[in-house]
Amino acid sequence: ARLIPGFSGADIMNLVNEAALIAVIRNLDEISRDCVLEARDRVAFG
């Protein structure tokens, strides 16, 4: 939450969805912190 200032509720929902997709692509059993950070960058910067 501290890493995503200015995010709306929709942005946060997109972040979690992107993190889940990244975890699937990486063949992970669960969403890791790295997945969330990469998802944050995707939502914020593309």
All heavy atoms as atom14 arrays in JSON, in Angstrom:
{
  "sequence": "ARLIPGFSGADIMNLVNEAALIAVIRNLDEISRDCVLEARDRVAFG",
  "atom14_mask": [
    [1, 1, 1, 1, 1, 0, 0, 0, 0, 0, 0, 0, 0, 0],
    [1, 1, 1, 1, 1, 1, 1, 1, 1, 1, 1, 0, 0, 0],
    [1, 1, 1, 1, 1, 1, 1, 1, 0, 0, 0, 0, 0, 0],
    [1, 1, 1, 1, 1, 1, 1, 1, 0, 0, 0, 0, 0, 0],
    [1, 1, 1, 1, 1, 1, 1, 0, 0, 0, 0, 0, 0, 0],
    [1, 1, 1, 1, 0, 0, 0, 0, 0, 0, 0, 0, 0, 0],
    [1, 1, 1, 1, 1, 1, 1, 1, 1, 1, 1, 0, 0, 0],
    [1, 1, 1, 1, 1, 1, 0, 0, 0, 0, 0, 0, 0, 0],
    [1, 1, 1, 1, 0, 0, 0, 0, 0, 0, 0, 0, 0, 0],
    [1, 1, 1, 1, 1, 0, 0, 0, 0, 0, 0, 0, 0, 0],
    [1, 1, 1, 1, 1, 1, 1, 1, 0, 0, 0, 0, 0, 0],
    [1, 1, 1, 1, 1, 1, 1, 1, 0, 0, 0, 0, 0, 0],
    [1, 1, 1, 1, 1, 1, 1, 1, 0, 0, 0, 0, 0, 0],
    [1, 1, 1, 1, 1, 1, 1, 1, 0, 0, 0, 0, 0, 0],
    [1, 1, 1, 1, 1, 1, 1, 1, 0, 0, 0, 0, 0, 0],
    [1, 1, 1, 1, 1, 1, 1, 0, 0, 0, 0, 0, 0, 0],
    [1, 1, 1, 1, 1, 1, 1, 1, 0, 0, 0, 0, 0, 0],
    [1, 1, 1, 1, 1, 1, 1, 1, 1, 0, 0, 0, 0, 0],
    [1, 1, 1, 1, 1, 0, 0, 0, 0, 0, 0, 0, 0, 0],
    [1, 1, 1, 1, 1, 0, 0, 0, 0, 0, 0, 0, 0, 0],
    [1, 1, 1, 1, 1, 1, 1, 1, 0, 0, 0, 0, 0, 0],
    [1, 1, 1, 1, 1, 1, 1, 1, 0, 0, 0, 0, 0, 0],
    [1, 1, 1, 1, 1, 0, 0, 0, 0, 0, 0, 0, 0, 0],
    [1, 1, 1, 1, 1, 1, 1, 0, 0, 0, 0, 0, 0, 0],
    [1, 1, 1, 1, 1, 1, 1, 1, 0, 0, 0, 0, 0, 0],
    [1, 1, 1, 1, 1, 1, 1, 1, 1, 1, 1, 0, 0, 0],
    [1, 1, 1, 1, 1, 1, 1, 1, 0, 0, 0, 0, 0, 0],
    [1, 1, 1, 1, 1, 1, 1, 1, 0, 0, 0, 0, 0, 0],
    [1, 1, 1, 1, 1, 1, 1, 1, 0, 0, 0, 0, 0, 0],
    [1, 1, 1, 1, 1, 1, 1, 1, 1, 0, 0, 0, 0, 0],
    [1, 1, 1, 1, 1, 1, 1, 1, 0, 0, 0, 0, 0, 0],
    [1, 1, 1, 1, 1, 1, 0, 0, 0, 0, 0, 0, 0, 0],
    [1, 1, 1, 1, 1, 1, 1, 1, 1, 1, 1, 0, 0, 0],
    [1, 1, 1, 1, 1, 1, 1, 1, 0, 0, 0, 0, 0, 0],
    [1, 1, 1, 1, 1, 1, 0, 0, 0, 0, 0, 0, 0, 0],
    [1, 1, 1, 1, 1, 1, 1, 0, 0, 0, 0, 0, 0, 0],
    [1, 1, 1, 1, 1, 1, 1, 1, 0, 0, 0, 0, 0, 0],
    [1, 1, 1, 1, 1, 1, 1, 1, 1, 0, 0, 0, 0, 0],
    [1, 1, 1, 1, 1, 0, 0, 0, 0, 0, 0, 0, 0, 0],
    [1, 1, 1, 1, 1, 1, 1, 1, 1, 1, 1, 0, 0, 0],
    [1, 1, 1, 1, 1, 1, 1, 1, 0, 0, 0, 0, 0, 0],
    [1, 1, 1, 1, 1, 1, 1, 1, 1, 1, 1, 0, 0, 0],
    [1, 1, 1, 1, 1, 1, 1, 0, 0, 0, 0, 0, 0, 0],
    [1, 1, 1, 1, 1, 0, 0, 0, 0, 0, 0, 0, 0, 0],
    [1, 1, 1, 1, 1, 1, 1, 1, 1, 1, 1, 0, 0, 0],
    [1, 1, 1, 1, 0, 0, 0, 0, 0, 0, 0, 0, 0, 0]
  ],
  "atom14_positions": [
    [[0.83, -1.21, 0.0], [0.0, 0.0, 0.0], [0.86, 1.25, 0.0], [0.5, 2.27, -0.61], [-0.93, 0.0, 1.21], [0.0, 0.0, 0.0], [0.0, 0.0, 0.0], [0.0, 0.0, 0.0], [0.0, 0.0, 0.0], [0.0, 0.0, 0.0], [0.0, 0.0, 0.0], [0.0, 0.0, 0.0], [0.0, 0.0, 0.0], [0.0, 0.0, 0.0]],
    [[2.0, 1.2, 0.67], [2.91, 2.36, 0.69], [3.58, 2.57, -0.67], [4.01, 3.68, -0.97], [3.98, 2.15, 1.77], [3.45, 2.2, 3.19], [4.56, 2.01, 4.22], [4.03, 2.0, 5.57], [3.78, 3.1, 6.29], [4.04, 4.29, 5.75], [3.28, 3.03, 7.49], [0.0, 0.0, 0.0], [0.0, 0.0, 0.0], [0.0, 0.0, 0.0]],
    [[3.67, 1.51, -1.46], [4.35, 1.59, -2.74], [3.43, 2.05, -3.88], [3.89, 2.21, -5.0], [4.94, 0.23, -3.11], [6.03, -0.32, -2.18], [6.46, -1.71, -2.64], [7.23, 0.6, -2.14], [0.0, 0.0, 0.0], [0.0, 0.0, 0.0], [0.0, 0.0, 0.0], [0.0, 0.0, 0.0], [0.0, 0.0, 0.0], [0.0, 0.0, 0.0]],
    [[2.15, 2.25, -3.58], [1.2, 2.6, -4.64], [0.4, 3.86, -4.31], [-0.82, 3.87, -4.42], [0.23, 1.43, -4.92], [-0.44, 0.93, -3.64], [0.98, 0.28, -5.59], [-1.5, -0.15, -3.88], [0.0, 0.0, 0.0], [0.0, 0.0, 0.0], [0.0, 0.0, 0.0], [0.0, 0.0, 0.0], [0.0, 0.0, 0.0], [0.0, 0.0, 0.0]],
    [[1.06, 4.94, -3.9], [0.31, 6.18, -3.65], [-0.34, 6.68, -4.93], [0.23, 6.57, -6.02], [1.41, 7.15, -3.17], [2.67, 6.62, -3.78], [2.52, 5.13, -3.77], [0.0, 0.0, 0.0], [0.0, 0.0, 0.0], [0.0, 0.0, 0.0], [0.0, 0.0, 0.0], [0.0, 0.0, 0.0], [0.0, 0.0, 0.0], [0.0, 0.0, 0.0]],
    [[-1.55, 7.19, -4.81], [-2.26, 7.7, -5.98], [-3.06, 6.64, -6.72], [-3.76, 6.96, -7.68], [0.0, 0.0, 0.0], [0.0, 0.0, 0.0], [0.0, 0.0, 0.0], [0.0, 0.0, 0.0], [0.0, 0.0, 0.0], [0.0, 0.0, 0.0], [0.0, 0.0, 0.0], [0.0, 0.0, 0.0], [0.0, 0.0, 0.0], [0.0, 0.0, 0.0]],
    [[-2.98, 5.37, -6.29], [-3.75, 4.31, -6.93], [-5.21, 4.4, -6.48], [-5.51, 4.6, -5.31], [-3.19, 2.94, -6.58], [-2.12, 2.45, -7.51], [-1.13, 3.31, -7.96], [-2.09, 1.13, -7.93], [-0.14, 2.87, -8.82], [-1.1, 0.68, -8.8], [-0.12, 1.55, -9.25], [0.0, 0.0, 0.0], [0.0, 0.0, 0.0], [0.0, 0.0, 0.0]],
    [[-6.11, 4.21, -7.43], [-7.54, 4.15, -7.11], [-7.91, 2.71, -6.77], [-7.09, 1.79, -6.9], [-8.36, 4.63, -8.3], [-8.19, 3.73, -9.4], [0.0, 0.0, 0.0], [0.0, 0.0, 0.0], [0.0, 0.0, 0.0], [0.0, 0.0, 0.0], [0.0, 0.0, 0.0], [0.0, 0.0, 0.0], [0.0, 0.0, 0.0], [0.0, 0.0, 0.0]],
    [[-9.15, 2.5, -6.37], [-9.61, 1.15, -6.09], [-9.52, 0.26, -7.32], [-9.13, -0.91, -7.24], [0.0, 0.0, 0.0], [0.0, 0.0, 0.0], [0.0, 0.0, 0.0], [0.0, 0.0, 0.0], [0.0, 0.0, 0.0], [0.0, 0.0, 0.0], [0.0, 0.0, 0.0], [0.0, 0.0, 0.0], [0.0, 0.0, 0.0], [0.0, 0.0, 0.0]],
    [[-9.85, 0.83, -8.48], [-9.77, 0.07, -9.74], [-8.32, -0.28, -10.07], [-8.03, -1.38, -10.56], [-10.38, 0.88, -10.88], [0.0, 0.0, 0.0], [0.0, 0.0, 0.0], [0.0, 0.0, 0.0], [0.0, 0.0, 0.0], [0.0, 0.0, 0.0], [0.0, 0.0, 0.0], [0.0, 0.0, 0.0], [0.0, 0.0, 0.0], [0.0, 0.0, 0.0]],
    [[-7.41, 0.66, -9.8], [-5.99, 0.39, -10.04], [-5.5, -0.77, -9.18], [-4.73, -1.63, -9.63], [-5.14, 1.63, -9.75], [-5.37, 2.75, -10.73], [-5.71, 2.45, -11.89], [-5.21, 3.92, -10.35], [0.0, 0.0, 0.0], [0.0, 0.0, 0.0], [0.0, 0.0, 0.0], [0.0, 0.0, 0.0], [0.0, 0.0, 0.0], [0.0, 0.0, 0.0]],
    [[-5.94, -0.8, -7.93], [-5.52, -1.86, -7.01], [-6.08, -3.21, -7.47], [-5.4, -4.23, -7.4], [-5.98, -1.53, -5.58], [-5.27, -0.25, -5.09], [-5.67, -2.69, -4.62], [-5.76, 0.26, -3.75], [0.0, 0.0, 0.0], [0.0, 0.0, 0.0], [0.0, 0.0, 0.0], [0.0, 0.0, 0.0], [0.0, 0.0, 0.0], [0.0, 0.0, 0.0]],
    [[-7.31, -3.22, -7.94], [-7.9, -4.45, -8.47], [-7.09, -4.93, -9.68], [-6.79, -6.13, -9.81], [-9.35, -4.22, -8.87], [-10.04, -5.46, -9.44], [-11.76, -5.15, -9.95], [-11.47, -4.06, -11.35], [0.0, 0.0, 0.0], [0.0, 0.0, 0.0], [0.0, 0.0, 0.0], [0.0, 0.0, 0.0], [0.0, 0.0, 0.0], [0.0, 0.0, 0.0]],
    [[-6.74, -4.0, -10.57], [-5.93, -4.36, -11.74], [-4.56, -4.89, -11.32], [-4.03, -5.82, -11.94], [-5.76, -3.15, -12.65], [-7.05, -2.76, -13.36], [-7.94, -3.59, -13.51], [-7.15, -1.51, -13.77], [0.0, 0.0, 0.0], [0.0, 0.0, 0.0], [0.0, 0.0, 0.0], [0.0, 0.0, 0.0], [0.0, 0.0, 0.0], [0.0, 0.0, 0.0]],
    [[-3.99, -4.29, -10.28], [-2.68, -4.73, -9.78], [-2.73, -6.19, -9.35], [-1.86, -6.99, -9.71], [-2.25, -3.84, -8.61], [-0.9, -4.13, -7.96], [-0.29, -2.84, -7.43], [-1.02, -5.13, -6.8], [0.0, 0.0, 0.0], [0.0, 0.0, 0.0], [0.0, 0.0, 0.0], [0.0, 0.0, 0.0], [0.0, 0.0, 0.0], [0.0, 0.0, 0.0]],
    [[-3.74, -6.56, -8.58], [-3.86, -7.94, -8.11], [-4.11, -8.89, -9.28], [-3.53, -9.99, -9.34], [-4.99, -8.07, -7.06], [-5.19, -9.52, -6.65], [-4.65, -7.23, -5.83], [0.0, 0.0, 0.0], [0.0, 0.0, 0.0], [0.0, 0.0, 0.0], [0.0, 0.0, 0.0], [0.0, 0.0, 0.0], [0.0, 0.0, 0.0], [0.0, 0.0, 0.0]],
    [[-4.94, -8.48, -10.23], [-5.2, -9.33, -11.4], [-3.92, -9.53, -12.22], [-3.64, -10.64, -12.7], [-6.29, -8.7, -12.27], [-7.66, -8.74, -11.62], [-7.89, -9.56, -10.73], [-8.54, -7.87, -12.04], [0.0, 0.0, 0.0], [0.0, 0.0, 0.0], [0.0, 0.0, 0.0], [0.0, 0.0, 0.0], [0.0, 0.0, 0.0], [0.0, 0.0, 0.0]],
    [[-3.16, -8.45, -12.42], [-1.9, -8.55, -13.16], [-0.92, -9.45, -12.42], [-0.21, -10.25, -13.04], [-1.29, -7.16, -13.34], [-1.95, -6.31, -14.4], [-1.59, -6.78, -15.81], [-0.71, -7.64, -15.96], [-2.2, -6.26, -16.76], [0.0, 0.0, 0.0], [0.0, 0.0, 0.0], [0.0, 0.0, 0.0], [0.0, 0.0, 0.0], [0.0, 0.0, 0.0]],
    [[-0.86, -9.32, -11.09], [0.05, -10.16, -10.3], [-0.32, -11.63, -10.45], [0.57, -12.5, -10.53], [-0.01, -9.75, -8.83], [0.0, 0.0, 0.0], [0.0, 0.0, 0.0], [0.0, 0.0, 0.0], [0.0, 0.0, 0.0], [0.0, 0.0, 0.0], [0.0, 0.0, 0.0], [0.0, 0.0, 0.0], [0.0, 0.0, 0.0], [0.0, 0.0, 0.0]],
    [[-1.62, -11.94, -10.5], [-2.06, -13.32, -10.68], [-1.64, -13.85, -12.05], [-1.18, -14.99, -12.18], [-3.57, -13.41, -10.5], [0.0, 0.0, 0.0], [0.0, 0.0, 0.0], [0.0, 0.0, 0.0], [0.0, 0.0, 0.0], [0.0, 0.0, 0.0], [0.0, 0.0, 0.0], [0.0, 0.0, 0.0], [0.0, 0.0, 0.0], [0.0, 0.0, 0.0]],
    [[-1.78, -13.01, -13.08], [-1.37, -13.41, -14.43], [0.13, -13.67, -14.49], [0.59, -14.64, -15.11], [-1.77, -12.34, -15.44], [-3.27, -12.17, -15.71], [-3.5, -10.96, -16.61], [-3.83, -13.43, -16.36], [0.0, 0.0, 0.0], [0.0, 0.0, 0.0], [0.0, 0.0, 0.0], [0.0, 0.0, 0.0], [0.0, 0.0, 0.0], [0.0, 0.0, 0.0]],
    [[0.9, -12.81, -13.85], [2.35, -12.96, -13.84], [2.74, -14.26, -13.15], [3.64, -14.99, -13.59], [3.01, -11.76, -13.15], [2.79, -10.5, -13.99], [4.51, -11.99, -12.94], [3.19, -9.22, -13.28], [0.0, 0.0, 0.0], [0.0, 0.0, 0.0], [0.0, 0.0, 0.0], [0.0, 0.0, 0.0], [0.0, 0.0, 0.0], [0.0, 0.0, 0.0]],
    [[2.06, -14.57, -12.05], [2.35, -15.81, -11.32], [2.06, -17.03, -12.2], [2.83, -18.01, -12.19], [1.52, -15.86, -10.04], [0.0, 0.0, 0.0], [0.0, 0.0, 0.0], [0.0, 0.0, 0.0], [0.0, 0.0, 0.0], [0.0, 0.0, 0.0], [0.0, 0.0, 0.0], [0.0, 0.0, 0.0], [0.0, 0.0, 0.0], [0.0, 0.0, 0.0]],
    [[0.98, -16.98, -12.97], [0.64, -18.1, -13.87], [1.71, -18.24, -14.95], [2.16, -19.35, -15.26], [-0.75, -17.87, -14.5], [-1.01, -18.9, -15.59], [-1.83, -17.94, -13.43], [0.0, 0.0, 0.0], [0.0, 0.0, 0.0], [0.0, 0.0, 0.0], [0.0, 0.0, 0.0], [0.0, 0.0, 0.0], [0.0, 0.0, 0.0], [0.0, 0.0, 0.0]],
    [[2.1, -17.12, -15.54], [3.11, -17.15, -16.6], [4.43, -17.72, -16.08], [5.14, -18.43, -16.79], [3.31, -15.73, -17.17], [2.05, -15.28, -17.91], [4.52, -15.68, -18.1], [2.08, -13.83, -18.34], [0.0, 0.0, 0.0], [0.0, 0.0, 0.0], [0.0, 0.0, 0.0], [0.0, 0.0, 0.0], [0.0, 0.0, 0.0], [0.0, 0.0, 0.0]],
    [[4.75, -17.44, -14.83], [6.0, -17.91, -14.23], [5.87, -19.3, -13.62], [6.8, -19.79, -12.99], [6.47, -16.92, -13.16], [6.84, -15.55, -13.71], [7.28, -14.6, -12.6], [7.65, -13.28, -13.14], [8.05, -12.25, -12.37], [8.13, -12.42, -11.05], [8.37, -11.1, -12.93], [0.0, 0.0, 0.0], [0.0, 0.0, 0.0], [0.0, 0.0, 0.0]],
    [[4.71, -19.92, -13.8], [4.45, -21.27, -13.27], [4.63, -21.35, -11.76], [5.18, -22.31, -11.22], [5.36, -22.29, -13.95], [5.03, -22.47, -15.41], [3.87, -22.52, -15.8], [6.06, -22.56, -16.25], [0.0, 0.0, 0.0], [0.0, 0.0, 0.0], [0.0, 0.0, 0.0], [0.0, 0.0, 0.0], [0.0, 0.0, 0.0], [0.0, 0.0, 0.0]],
    [[4.15, -20.33, -11.06], [4.23, -20.3, -9.6], [2.92, -20.83, -9.0], [1.85, -20.69, -9.59], [4.49, -18.88, -9.1], [5.78, -18.21, -9.6], [5.85, -16.77, -9.07], [7.01, -19.01, -9.14], [0.0, 0.0, 0.0], [0.0, 0.0, 0.0], [0.0, 0.0, 0.0], [0.0, 0.0, 0.0], [0.0, 0.0, 0.0], [0.0, 0.0, 0.0]],
    [[3.03, -21.41, -7.82], [1.84, -21.92, -7.14], [1.05, -20.82, -6.44], [-0.12, -21.01, -6.1], [2.24, -22.99, -6.12], [2.82, -24.23, -6.78], [2.42, -24.53, -7.92], [3.69, -24.88, -6.17], [0.0, 0.0, 0.0], [0.0, 0.0, 0.0], [0.0, 0.0, 0.0], [0.0, 0.0, 0.0], [0.0, 0.0, 0.0], [0.0, 0.0, 0.0]],
    [[1.72, -19.7, -6.19], [1.07, -18.59, -5.51], [1.69, -17.27, -5.97], [2.76, -17.26, -6.59], [1.21, -18.73, -3.99], [2.66, -18.77, -3.53], [2.79, -19.06, -2.04], [1.79, -19.51, -1.44], [3.87, -18.81, -1.48], [0.0, 0.0, 0.0], [0.0, 0.0, 0.0], [0.0, 0.0, 0.0], [0.0, 0.0, 0.0], [0.0, 0.0, 0.0]],
    [[1.02, -16.19, -5.65], [1.53, -14.87, -6.03], [2.64, -14.47, -5.08], [2.44, -14.45, -3.86], [0.4, -13.82, -6.0], [-0.68, -14.17, -7.03], [0.95, -12.43, -6.27], [-1.88, -13.24, -6.98], [0.0, 0.0, 0.0], [0.0, 0.0, 0.0], [0.0, 0.0, 0.0], [0.0, 0.0, 0.0], [0.0, 0.0, 0.0], [0.0, 0.0, 0.0]],
    [[3.8, -14.14, -5.62], [4.92, -13.73, -4.79], [5.0, -12.2, -4.72], [4.3, -11.49, -5.45], [6.23, -14.26, -5.36], [6.5, -13.68, -6.63], [0.0, 0.0, 0.0], [0.0, 0.0, 0.0], [0.0, 0.0, 0.0], [0.0, 0.0, 0.0], [0.0, 0.0, 0.0], [0.0, 0.0, 0.0], [0.0, 0.0, 0.0], [0.0, 0.0, 0.0]],
    [[5.85, -11.71, -3.85], [6.05, -10.27, -3.72], [6.58, -9.69, -5.03], [6.18, -8.6, -5.44], [7.02, -9.98, -2.58], [7.33, -8.51, -2.36], [8.25, -8.34, -1.16], [8.58, -6.93, -0.93], [9.58, -6.28, -1.54], [10.32, -6.94, -2.44], [9.83, -5.02, -1.27], [0.0, 0.0, 0.0], [0.0, 0.0, 0.0], [0.0, 0.0, 0.0]],
    [[7.49, -10.4, -5.69], [8.03, -9.92, -6.96], [6.93, -9.78, -8.01], [6.96, -8.86, -8.83], [9.12, -10.88, -7.47], [10.4, -10.78, -6.66], [10.57, -9.76, -5.97], [11.21, -11.72, -6.71], [0.0, 0.0, 0.0], [0.0, 0.0, 0.0], [0.0, 0.0, 0.0], [0.0, 0.0, 0.0], [0.0, 0.0, 0.0], [0.0, 0.0, 0.0]],
    [[5.96, -10.7, -7.99], [4.84, -10.62, -8.93], [4.04, -9.34, -8.7], [3.62, -8.66, -9.65], [3.92, -11.83, -8.78], [4.65, -13.41, -9.28], [0.0, 0.0, 0.0], [0.0, 0.0, 0.0], [0.0, 0.0, 0.0], [0.0, 0.0, 0.0], [0.0, 0.0, 0.0], [0.0, 0.0, 0.0], [0.0, 0.0, 0.0], [0.0, 0.0, 0.0]],
    [[3.83, -9.01, -7.42], [3.06, -7.81, -7.09], [3.82, -6.55, -7.52], [3.23, -5.6, -8.05], [2.76, -7.76, -5.58], [2.04, -6.46, -5.22], [1.9, -8.95, -5.18], [0.0, 0.0, 0.0], [0.0, 0.0, 0.0], [0.0, 0.0, 0.0], [0.0, 0.0, 0.0], [0.0, 0.0, 0.0], [0.0, 0.0, 0.0], [0.0, 0.0, 0.0]],
    [[5.15, -6.53, -7.29], [5.94, -5.36, -7.66], [5.96, -5.16, -9.18], [5.88, -4.04, -9.67], [7.36, -5.49, -7.12], [7.49, -5.48, -5.59], [8.95, -5.6, -5.17], [6.87, -4.21, -4.99], [0.0, 0.0, 0.0], [0.0, 0.0, 0.0], [0.0, 0.0, 0.0], [0.0, 0.0, 0.0], [0.0, 0.0, 0.0], [0.0, 0.0, 0.0]],
    [[6.1, -6.26, -9.93], [6.08, -6.15, -11.38], [4.69, -5.7, -11.85], [4.57, -4.88, -12.77], [6.42, -7.5, -12.01], [6.21, -7.57, -13.52], [7.04, -6.56, -14.3], [8.08, -6.11, -13.78], [6.64, -6.21, -15.43], [0.0, 0.0, 0.0], [0.0, 0.0, 0.0], [0.0, 0.0, 0.0], [0.0, 0.0, 0.0], [0.0, 0.0, 0.0]],
    [[3.63, -6.19, -11.2], [2.28, -5.77, -11.55], [2.09, -4.29, -11.26], [1.43, -3.58, -12.03], [1.26, -6.6, -10.76], [0.0, 0.0, 0.0], [0.0, 0.0, 0.0], [0.0, 0.0, 0.0], [0.0, 0.0, 0.0], [0.0, 0.0, 0.0], [0.0, 0.0, 0.0], [0.0, 0.0, 0.0], [0.0, 0.0, 0.0], [0.0, 0.0, 0.0]],
    [[2.68, -3.82, -10.15], [2.59, -2.38, -9.83], [3.21, -1.55, -10.95], [2.64, -0.55, -11.4], [3.33, -2.13, -8.51], [3.22, -0.7, -7.93], [4.15, 0.3, -8.57], [5.53, -0.14, -8.56], [6.41, 0.2, -7.61], [6.04, 0.98, -6.63], [7.67, -0.21, -7.69], [0.0, 0.0, 0.0], [0.0, 0.0, 0.0], [0.0, 0.0, 0.0]],
    [[4.37, -1.97, -11.44], [5.03, -1.24, -12.52], [4.21, -1.28, -13.81], [4.16, -0.31, -14.56], [6.43, -1.81, -12.76], [7.37, -1.55, -11.59], [7.03, -0.71, -10.74], [8.44, -2.2, -11.52], [0.0, 0.0, 0.0], [0.0, 0.0, 0.0], [0.0, 0.0, 0.0], [0.0, 0.0, 0.0], [0.0, 0.0, 0.0], [0.0, 0.0, 0.0]],
    [[3.56, -2.42, -14.06], [2.74, -2.53, -15.26], [1.56, -1.57, -15.21], [1.24, -0.9, -16.19], [2.23, -3.96, -15.42], [3.27, -4.96, -15.89], [2.61, -6.29, -16.23], [3.59, -7.27, -16.66], [3.26, -8.49, -17.1], [1.98, -8.85, -17.17], [4.2, -9.34, -17.49], [0.0, 0.0, 0.0], [0.0, 0.0, 0.0], [0.0, 0.0, 0.0]],
    [[0.9, -1.51, -14.06], [-0.27, -0.65, -13.93], [0.14, 0.82, -14.0], [-0.53, 1.64, -14.62], [-1.02, -0.94, -12.61], [-2.15, 0.07, -12.4], [-1.59, -2.36, -12.62], [0.0, 0.0, 0.0], [0.0, 0.0, 0.0], [0.0, 0.0, 0.0], [0.0, 0.0, 0.0], [0.0, 0.0, 0.0], [0.0, 0.0, 0.0], [0.0, 0.0, 0.0]],
    [[1.27, 1.15, -13.37], [1.69, 2.55, -13.29], [2.37, 3.03, -14.57], [2.19, 4.18, -14.98], [2.63, 2.74, -12.09], [0.0, 0.0, 0.0], [0.0, 0.0, 0.0], [0.0, 0.0, 0.0], [0.0, 0.0, 0.0], [0.0, 0.0, 0.0], [0.0, 0.0, 0.0], [0.0, 0.0, 0.0], [0.0, 0.0, 0.0], [0.0, 0.0, 0.0]],
    [[3.18, 2.15, -15.2], [4.02, 2.61, -16.31], [3.8, 1.84, -17.61], [4.34, 2.23, -18.65], [5.5, 2.5, -15.92], [5.86, 3.25, -14.68], [6.05, 2.59, -13.47], [5.98, 4.62, -14.69], [6.38, 3.29, -12.32], [6.31, 5.33, -13.55], [6.5, 4.66, -12.35], [0.0, 0.0, 0.0], [0.0, 0.0, 0.0], [0.0, 0.0, 0.0]],
    [[3.06, 0.74, -17.57], [2.84, -0.06, -18.78], [3.71, -1.31, -18.78], [4.6, -1.48, -17.96], [0.0, 0.0, 0.0], [0.0, 0.0, 0.0], [0.0, 0.0, 0.0], [0.0, 0.0, 0.0], [0.0, 0.0, 0.0], [0.0, 0.0, 0.0], [0.0, 0.0, 0.0], [0.0, 0.0, 0.0], [0.0, 0.0, 0.0], [0.0, 0.0, 0.0]]
  ]
}
